[in-house]
Amino acid sequence: GTKDLGVINGRVLSAWAVAGIVGPTIYDVIKKSS
């Protein structure tokens, strides 16, 4: 619903914070090692 939509959407976007570090790091580490 829309009661707390901005807040909930923002909290799901914490996935972006983690993914922004994890994704490129996985790419760089595996690409460099392999």
PDB file of all heavy atoms in Angstrom:
ATOM      1  N   GLY A   1       0.807  -1.205   0.000  1.00  0.00           N
ATOM      2  CA  GLY A   1       0.000   0.000   0.000  1.00  0.00           C
ATOM      3  C   GLY A   1       0.845   1.262   0.000  1.00  0.00           C
ATOM      4  O   GLY A   1       2.072   1.213  -0.062  1.00  0.00           O
ATOM      5  N   THR A   2       0.182   2.413   0.074  1.00  0.00           N
ATOM      6  CA  THR A   2       0.884   3.701  -0.033  1.00  0.00           C
ATOM      7  C   THR A   2       1.114   4.389   1.315  1.00  0.00           C
ATOM      8  O   THR A   2       1.662   5.483   1.373  1.00  0.00           O
ATOM      9  CB  THR A   2       0.086   4.670  -0.933  1.00  0.00           C
ATOM     10  OG1 THR A   2      -1.235   4.845  -0.390  1.00  0.00           O
ATOM     11  CG2 THR A   2      -0.025   4.121  -2.341  1.00  0.00           C
ATOM     12  N   LYS A   3       0.680   3.751   2.390  1.00  0.00           N
ATOM     13  CA  LYS A   3       0.795   4.351   3.724  1.00  0.00           C
ATOM     14  C   LYS A   3       2.230   4.773   4.042  1.00  0.00           C
ATOM     15  O   LYS A   3       2.479   5.882   4.520  1.00  0.00           O
ATOM     16  CB  LYS A   3       0.297   3.359   4.778  1.00  0.00           C
ATOM     17  CG  LYS A   3       0.322   3.884   6.203  1.00  0.00           C
ATOM     18  CD  LYS A   3      -0.236   2.844   7.160  1.00  0.00           C
ATOM     19  CE  LYS A   3      -0.238   3.355   8.600  1.00  0.00           C
ATOM     20  NZ  LYS A   3      -0.797   2.339   9.540  1.00  0.00           N
ATOM     21  N   ASP A   4       3.188   3.872   3.800  1.00  0.00           N
ATOM     22  CA  ASP A   4       4.604   4.134   4.062  1.00  0.00           C
ATOM     23  C   ASP A   4       5.433   3.759   2.842  1.00  0.00           C
ATOM     24  O   ASP A   4       6.552   3.261   2.974  1.00  0.00           O
ATOM     25  CB  ASP A   4       5.074   3.324   5.277  1.00  0.00           C
ATOM     26  CG  ASP A   4       5.186   4.187   6.535  1.00  0.00           C
ATOM     27  OD1 ASP A   4       5.024   5.411   6.413  1.00  0.00           O
ATOM     28  OD2 ASP A   4       5.422   3.640   7.624  1.00  0.00           O
ATOM     29  N   LEU A   5       4.895   4.013   1.654  1.00  0.00           N
ATOM     30  CA  LEU A   5       5.518   3.509   0.435  1.00  0.00           C
ATOM     31  C   LEU A   5       6.957   3.974   0.268  1.00  0.00           C
ATOM     32  O   LEU A   5       7.849   3.182  -0.050  1.00  0.00           O
ATOM     33  CB  LEU A   5       4.690   3.914  -0.792  1.00  0.00           C
ATOM     34  CG  LEU A   5       5.101   3.274  -2.118  1.00  0.00           C
ATOM     35  CD1 LEU A   5       3.889   3.042  -3.000  1.00  0.00           C
ATOM     36  CD2 LEU A   5       6.114   4.136  -2.875  1.00  0.00           C
ATOM     37  N   GLY A   6       7.209   5.268   0.478  1.00  0.00           N
ATOM     38  CA  GLY A   6       8.553   5.794   0.293  1.00  0.00           C
ATOM     39  C   GLY A   6       9.556   5.152   1.226  1.00  0.00           C
ATOM     40  O   GLY A   6      10.691   4.867   0.840  1.00  0.00           O
ATOM     41  N   VAL A   7       9.139   4.912   2.456  1.00  0.00           N
ATOM     42  CA  VAL A   7      10.024   4.309   3.456  1.00  0.00           C
ATOM     43  C   VAL A   7      10.321   2.855   3.101  1.00  0.00           C
ATOM     44  O   VAL A   7      11.477   2.407   3.122  1.00  0.00           O
ATOM     45  CB  VAL A   7       9.402   4.396   4.863  1.00  0.00           C
ATOM     46  CG1 VAL A   7      10.356   3.821   5.902  1.00  0.00           C
ATOM     47  CG2 VAL A   7       9.057   5.836   5.201  1.00  0.00           C
ATOM     48  N   ILE A   8       9.270   2.100   2.766  1.00  0.00           N
ATOM     49  CA  ILE A   8       9.451   0.681   2.426  1.00  0.00           C
ATOM     50  C   ILE A   8      10.292   0.535   1.164  1.00  0.00           C
ATOM     51  O   ILE A   8      11.206  -0.300   1.095  1.00  0.00           O
ATOM     52  CB  ILE A   8       8.085  -0.018   2.246  1.00  0.00           C
ATOM     53  CG1 ILE A   8       7.273   0.058   3.544  1.00  0.00           C
ATOM     54  CG2 ILE A   8       8.269  -1.476   1.826  1.00  0.00           C
ATOM     55  CD1 ILE A   8       5.832  -0.380   3.401  1.00  0.00           C
ATOM     56  N   ASN A   9       9.994   1.365   0.169  1.00  0.00           N
ATOM     57  CA  ASN A   9      10.767   1.340  -1.074  1.00  0.00           C
ATOM     58  C   ASN A   9      12.243   1.628  -0.784  1.00  0.00           C
ATOM     59  O   ASN A   9      13.136   0.966  -1.321  1.00  0.00           O
ATOM     60  CB  ASN A   9      10.214   2.382  -2.045  1.00  0.00           C
ATOM     61  CG  ASN A   9      10.907   2.362  -3.392  1.00  0.00           C
ATOM     62  OD1 ASN A   9      10.793   1.417  -4.149  1.00  0.00           O
ATOM     63  ND2 ASN A   9      11.637   3.421  -3.694  1.00  0.00           N
ATOM     64  N   GLY A  10      12.489   2.599   0.092  1.00  0.00           N
ATOM     65  CA  GLY A  10      13.858   2.938   0.462  1.00  0.00           C
ATOM     66  C   GLY A  10      14.568   1.796   1.158  1.00  0.00           C
ATOM     67  O   GLY A  10      15.757   1.559   0.921  1.00  0.00           O
ATOM     68  N   ARG A  11      13.837   1.071   1.989  1.00  0.00           N
ATOM     69  CA  ARG A  11      14.462  -0.045   2.719  1.00  0.00           C
ATOM     70  C   ARG A  11      14.757  -1.229   1.806  1.00  0.00           C
ATOM     71  O   ARG A  11      15.760  -1.918   1.989  1.00  0.00           O
ATOM     72  CB  ARG A  11      13.580  -0.454   3.894  1.00  0.00           C
ATOM     73  CG  ARG A  11      13.625   0.589   5.002  1.00  0.00           C
ATOM     74  CD  ARG A  11      12.789   0.275   6.208  1.00  0.00           C
ATOM     75  NE  ARG A  11      12.976   1.311   7.216  1.00  0.00           N
ATOM     76  CZ  ARG A  11      12.252   1.433   8.315  1.00  0.00           C
ATOM     77  NH1 ARG A  11      11.268   0.578   8.557  1.00  0.00           N
ATOM     78  NH2 ARG A  11      12.507   2.403   9.177  1.00  0.00           N
ATOM     79  N   VAL A  12      13.901  -1.453   0.832  1.00  0.00           N
ATOM     80  CA  VAL A  12      14.216  -2.496  -0.149  1.00  0.00           C
ATOM     81  C   VAL A  12      15.462  -2.089  -0.943  1.00  0.00           C
ATOM     82  O   VAL A  12      16.291  -2.932  -1.307  1.00  0.00           O
ATOM     83  CB  VAL A  12      13.030  -2.748  -1.112  1.00  0.00           C
ATOM     84  CG1 VAL A  12      13.419  -3.782  -2.171  1.00  0.00           C
ATOM     85  CG2 VAL A  12      11.803  -3.237  -0.354  1.00  0.00           C
ATOM     86  N   LEU A  13      15.595  -0.786  -1.186  1.00  0.00           N
ATOM     87  CA  LEU A  13      16.742  -0.293  -1.940  1.00  0.00           C
ATOM     88  C   LEU A  13      18.054  -0.392  -1.168  1.00  0.00           C
ATOM     89  O   LEU A  13      19.126  -0.099  -1.723  1.00  0.00           O
ATOM     90  CB  LEU A  13      16.516   1.153  -2.383  1.00  0.00           C
ATOM     91  CG  LEU A  13      15.593   1.334  -3.594  1.00  0.00           C
ATOM     92  CD1 LEU A  13      15.337   2.810  -3.850  1.00  0.00           C
ATOM     93  CD2 LEU A  13      16.185   0.680  -4.832  1.00  0.00           C
ATOM     94  N   SER A  14      18.004  -0.817   0.106  1.00  0.00           N
ATOM     95  CA  SER A  14      19.258  -1.124   0.799  1.00  0.00           C
ATOM     96  C   SER A  14      19.976  -2.250   0.054  1.00  0.00           C
ATOM     97  O   SER A  14      21.203  -2.390   0.150  1.00  0.00           O
ATOM     98  CB  SER A  14      19.000  -1.527   2.253  1.00  0.00           C
ATOM     99  OG  SER A  14      18.217  -2.712   2.317  1.00  0.00           O
ATOM    100  N   ALA A  15      19.204  -3.021  -0.712  1.00  0.00           N
ATOM    101  CA  ALA A  15      19.800  -4.053  -1.566  1.00  0.00           C
ATOM    102  C   ALA A  15      20.746  -3.419  -2.575  1.00  0.00           C
ATOM    103  O   ALA A  15      21.764  -4.021  -2.964  1.00  0.00           O
ATOM    104  CB  ALA A  15      18.697  -4.825  -2.296  1.00  0.00           C
ATOM    105  N   TRP A  16      20.418  -2.215  -3.006  1.00  0.00           N
ATOM    106  CA  TRP A  16      21.263  -1.486  -3.957  1.00  0.00           C
ATOM    107  C   TRP A  16      22.610  -1.153  -3.321  1.00  0.00           C
ATOM    108  O   TRP A  16      23.666  -1.264  -3.958  1.00  0.00           O
ATOM    109  CB  TRP A  16      20.529  -0.206  -4.376  1.00  0.00           C
ATOM    110  CG  TRP A  16      21.022   0.454  -5.622  1.00  0.00           C
ATOM    111  CD1 TRP A  16      22.120   0.132  -6.367  1.00  0.00           C
ATOM    112  CD2 TRP A  16      20.419   1.580  -6.272  1.00  0.00           C
ATOM    113  NE1 TRP A  16      22.235   0.977  -7.448  1.00  0.00           N
ATOM    114  CE2 TRP A  16      21.204   1.874  -7.409  1.00  0.00           C
ATOM    115  CE3 TRP A  16      19.292   2.363  -6.011  1.00  0.00           C
ATOM    116  CZ2 TRP A  16      20.906   2.919  -8.285  1.00  0.00           C
ATOM    117  CZ3 TRP A  16      18.983   3.403  -6.886  1.00  0.00           C
ATOM    118  CH2 TRP A  16      19.784   3.676  -8.001  1.00  0.00           C
ATOM    119  N   ALA A  17      22.569  -0.734  -2.034  1.00  0.00           N
ATOM    120  CA  ALA A  17      23.804  -0.390  -1.323  1.00  0.00           C
ATOM    121  C   ALA A  17      24.740  -1.590  -1.264  1.00  0.00           C
ATOM    122  O   ALA A  17      25.940  -1.481  -1.532  1.00  0.00           O
ATOM    123  CB  ALA A  17      23.472   0.101   0.081  1.00  0.00           C
ATOM    124  N   VAL A  18      24.179  -2.736  -0.920  1.00  0.00           N
ATOM    125  CA  VAL A  18      24.995  -3.950  -0.799  1.00  0.00           C
ATOM    126  C   VAL A  18      25.447  -4.434  -2.176  1.00  0.00           C
ATOM    127  O   VAL A  18      26.615  -4.769  -2.387  1.00  0.00           O
ATOM    128  CB  VAL A  18      24.202  -5.064  -0.078  1.00  0.00           C
ATOM    129  CG1 VAL A  18      25.063  -6.318   0.077  1.00  0.00           C
ATOM    130  CG2 VAL A  18      23.718  -4.582   1.283  1.00  0.00           C
ATOM    131  N   ALA A  19      24.506  -4.452  -3.120  1.00  0.00           N
ATOM    132  CA  ALA A  19      24.809  -4.942  -4.465  1.00  0.00           C
ATOM    133  C   ALA A  19      25.833  -4.068  -5.177  1.00  0.00           C
ATOM    134  O   ALA A  19      26.644  -4.565  -5.968  1.00  0.00           O
ATOM    135  CB  ALA A  19      23.530  -5.017  -5.295  1.00  0.00           C
ATOM    136  N   GLY A  20      25.797  -2.766  -4.909  1.00  0.00           N
ATOM    137  CA  GLY A  20      26.744  -1.852  -5.544  1.00  0.00           C
ATOM    138  C   GLY A  20      28.182  -2.140  -5.153  1.00  0.00           C
ATOM    139  O   GLY A  20      29.116  -1.851  -5.905  1.00  0.00           O
ATOM    140  N   ILE A  21      28.372  -2.715  -3.964  1.00  0.00           N
ATOM    141  CA  ILE A  21      29.704  -3.126  -3.515  1.00  0.00           C
ATOM    142  C   ILE A  21      30.002  -4.557  -3.965  1.00  0.00           C
ATOM    143  O   ILE A  21      31.039  -4.844  -4.556  1.00  0.00           O
ATOM    144  CB  ILE A  21      29.819  -3.052  -1.978  1.00  0.00           C
ATOM    145  CG1 ILE A  21      29.631  -1.611  -1.482  1.00  0.00           C
ATOM    146  CG2 ILE A  21      31.150  -3.635  -1.507  1.00  0.00           C
ATOM    147  CD1 ILE A  21      30.790  -0.693  -1.787  1.00  0.00           C
ATOM    148  N   VAL A  22      29.055  -5.451  -3.694  1.00  0.00           N
ATOM    149  CA  VAL A  22      29.269  -6.886  -3.922  1.00  0.00           C
ATOM    150  C   VAL A  22      29.403  -7.229  -5.405  1.00  0.00           C
ATOM    151  O   VAL A  22      30.324  -7.960  -5.801  1.00  0.00           O
ATOM    152  CB  VAL A  22      28.126  -7.715  -3.290  1.00  0.00           C
ATOM    153  CG1 VAL A  22      28.262  -9.198  -3.661  1.00  0.00           C
ATOM    154  CG2 VAL A  22      28.128  -7.552  -1.774  1.00  0.00           C
ATOM    155  N   GLY A  23      28.491  -6.708  -6.241  1.00  0.00           N
ATOM    156  CA  GLY A  23      28.478  -7.065  -7.656  1.00  0.00           C
ATOM    157  C   GLY A  23      29.782  -6.741  -8.383  1.00  0.00           C
ATOM    158  O   GLY A  23      30.450  -7.649  -8.904  1.00  0.00           O
ATOM    159  N   PRO A  24      30.182  -5.447  -8.418  1.00  0.00           N
ATOM    160  CA  PRO A  24      31.432  -5.105  -9.098  1.00  0.00           C
ATOM    161  C   PRO A  24      32.661  -5.776  -8.475  1.00  0.00           C
ATOM    162  O   PRO A  24      33.623  -6.083  -9.175  1.00  0.00           O
ATOM    163  CB  PRO A  24      31.509  -3.582  -8.931  1.00  0.00           C
ATOM    164  CG  PRO A  24      30.087  -3.143  -8.793  1.00  0.00           C
ATOM    165  CD  PRO A  24      29.433  -4.236  -8.003  1.00  0.00           C
ATOM    166  N   THR A  25      32.626  -6.012  -7.140  1.00  0.00           N
ATOM    167  CA  THR A  25      33.760  -6.669  -6.481  1.00  0.00           C
ATOM    168  C   THR A  25      33.879  -8.121  -6.936  1.00  0.00           C
ATOM    169  O   THR A  25      34.974  -8.609  -7.218  1.00  0.00           O
ATOM    170  CB  THR A  25      33.620  -6.604  -4.945  1.00  0.00           C
ATOM    171  OG1 THR A  25      33.547  -5.229  -4.544  1.00  0.00           O
ATOM    172  CG2 THR A  25      34.805  -7.262  -4.261  1.00  0.00           C
ATOM    173  N   ILE A  26      32.733  -8.818  -7.013  1.00  0.00           N
ATOM    174  CA  ILE A  26      32.739 -10.193  -7.525  1.00  0.00           C
ATOM    175  C   ILE A  26      33.304 -10.217  -8.944  1.00  0.00           C
ATOM    176  O   ILE A  26      34.142 -11.060  -9.288  1.00  0.00           O
ATOM    177  CB  ILE A  26      31.313 -10.791  -7.514  1.00  0.00           C
ATOM    178  CG1 ILE A  26      30.849 -11.060  -6.084  1.00  0.00           C
ATOM    179  CG2 ILE A  26      31.264 -12.098  -8.322  1.00  0.00           C
ATOM    180  CD1 ILE A  26      29.410 -11.530  -5.977  1.00  0.00           C
ATOM    181  N   TYR A  27      32.830  -9.265  -9.754  1.00  0.00           N
ATOM    182  CA  TYR A  27      33.295  -9.186 -11.144  1.00  0.00           C
ATOM    183  C   TYR A  27      34.808  -8.993 -11.194  1.00  0.00           C
ATOM    184  O   TYR A  27      35.523  -9.718 -11.902  1.00  0.00           O
ATOM    185  CB  TYR A  27      32.593  -8.030 -11.858  1.00  0.00           C
ATOM    186  CG  TYR A  27      32.959  -7.898 -13.330  1.00  0.00           C
ATOM    187  CD1 TYR A  27      32.146  -8.439 -14.312  1.00  0.00           C
ATOM    188  CD2 TYR A  27      34.129  -7.247 -13.728  1.00  0.00           C
ATOM    189  CE1 TYR A  27      32.471  -8.331 -15.661  1.00  0.00           C
ATOM    190  CE2 TYR A  27      34.471  -7.134 -15.066  1.00  0.00           C
ATOM    191  CZ  TYR A  27      33.638  -7.677 -16.026  1.00  0.00           C
ATOM    192  OH  TYR A  27      33.981  -7.578 -17.353  1.00  0.00           O
ATOM    193  N   ASP A  28      35.309  -8.016 -10.436  1.00  0.00           N
ATOM    194  CA  ASP A  28      36.740  -7.696 -10.474  1.00  0.00           C
ATOM    195  C   ASP A  28      37.600  -8.844  -9.957  1.00  0.00           C
ATOM    196  O   ASP A  28      38.627  -9.183 -10.546  1.00  0.00           O
ATOM    197  CB  ASP A  28      37.027  -6.430  -9.651  1.00  0.00           C
ATOM    198  CG  ASP A  28      36.491  -5.168 -10.306  1.00  0.00           C
ATOM    199  OD1 ASP A  28      36.230  -5.201 -11.527  1.00  0.00           O
ATOM    200  OD2 ASP A  28      36.309  -4.160  -9.596  1.00  0.00           O
ATOM    201  N   VAL A  29      37.180  -9.455  -8.836  1.00  0.00           N
ATOM    202  CA  VAL A  29      37.966 -10.526  -8.213  1.00  0.00           C
ATOM    203  C   VAL A  29      38.033 -11.761  -9.109  1.00  0.00           C
ATOM    204  O   VAL A  29      39.111 -12.309  -9.356  1.00  0.00           O
ATOM    205  CB  VAL A  29      37.384 -10.897  -6.829  1.00  0.00           C
ATOM    206  CG1 VAL A  29      38.028 -12.178  -6.288  1.00  0.00           C
ATOM    207  CG2 VAL A  29      37.579  -9.756  -5.838  1.00  0.00           C
ATOM    208  N   ILE A  30      36.867 -12.193  -9.609  1.00  0.00           N
ATOM    209  CA  ILE A  30      36.841 -13.399 -10.444  1.00  0.00           C
ATOM    210  C   ILE A  30      37.540 -13.150 -11.779  1.00  0.00           C
ATOM    211  O   ILE A  30      38.287 -14.000 -12.264  1.00  0.00           O
ATOM    212  CB  ILE A  30      35.393 -13.872 -10.670  1.00  0.00           C
ATOM    213  CG1 ILE A  30      34.753 -14.259  -9.340  1.00  0.00           C
ATOM    214  CG2 ILE A  30      35.357 -15.070 -11.626  1.00  0.00           C
ATOM    215  CD1 ILE A  30      33.307 -14.669  -9.431  1.00  0.00           C
ATOM    216  N   LYS A  31      37.310 -11.964 -12.353  1.00  0.00           N
ATOM    217  CA  LYS A  31      37.936 -11.645 -13.640  1.00  0.00           C
ATOM    218  C   LYS A  31      39.457 -11.597 -13.500  1.00  0.00           C
ATOM    219  O   LYS A  31      40.193 -12.092 -14.366  1.00  0.00           O
ATOM    220  CB  LYS A  31      37.413 -10.286 -14.130  1.00  0.00           C
ATOM    221  CG  LYS A  31      37.945  -9.842 -15.491  1.00  0.00           C
ATOM    222  CD  LYS A  31      37.388 -10.671 -16.623  1.00  0.00           C
ATOM    223  CE  LYS A  31      37.638 -10.048 -17.980  1.00  0.00           C
ATOM    224  NZ  LYS A  31      39.034  -9.771 -18.272  1.00  0.00           N
ATOM    225  N   LYS A  32      39.930 -11.030 -12.393  1.00  0.00           N
ATOM    226  CA  LYS A  32      41.376 -10.907 -12.189  1.00  0.00           C
ATOM    227  C   LYS A  32      42.014 -12.264 -11.916  1.00  0.00           C
ATOM    228  O   LYS A  32      43.094 -12.569 -12.425  1.00  0.00           O
ATOM    229  CB  LYS A  32      41.653  -9.948 -11.024  1.00  0.00           C
ATOM    230  CG  LYS A  32      43.126  -9.613 -10.851  1.00  0.00           C
ATOM    231  CD  LYS A  32      43.315  -8.545  -9.777  1.00  0.00           C
ATOM    232  CE  LYS A  32      44.797  -8.183  -9.631  1.00  0.00           C
ATOM    233  NZ  LYS A  32      45.001  -7.132  -8.611  1.00  0.00           N
ATOM    234  N   SER A  33      41.348 -13.089 -11.094  1.00  0.00           N
ATOM    235  CA  SER A  33      41.926 -14.378 -10.718  1.00  0.00           C
ATOM    236  C   SER A  33      41.844 -15.412 -11.832  1.00  0.00           C
ATOM    237  O   SER A  33      42.754 -16.218 -12.018  1.00  0.00           O
ATOM    238  CB  SER A  33      41.246 -14.926  -9.460  1.00  0.00           C
ATOM    239  OG  SER A  33      39.862 -15.124  -9.694  1.00  0.00           O
ATOM    240  N   SER A  34      40.728 -15.372 -12.594  1.00  0.00           N
ATOM    241  CA  SER A  34      40.530 -16.376 -13.648  1.00  0.00           C
ATOM    242  C   SER A  34      40.979 -15.878 -15.023  1.00  0.00           C
ATOM    243  O   SER A  34      41.338 -16.676 -15.891  1.00  0.00           O
ATOM    244  CB  SER A  34      39.056 -16.774 -13.731  1.00  0.00           C
ATOM    245  OG  SER A  34      38.257 -15.692 -14.197  1.00  0.00           O
TER     246      SER A  34
END
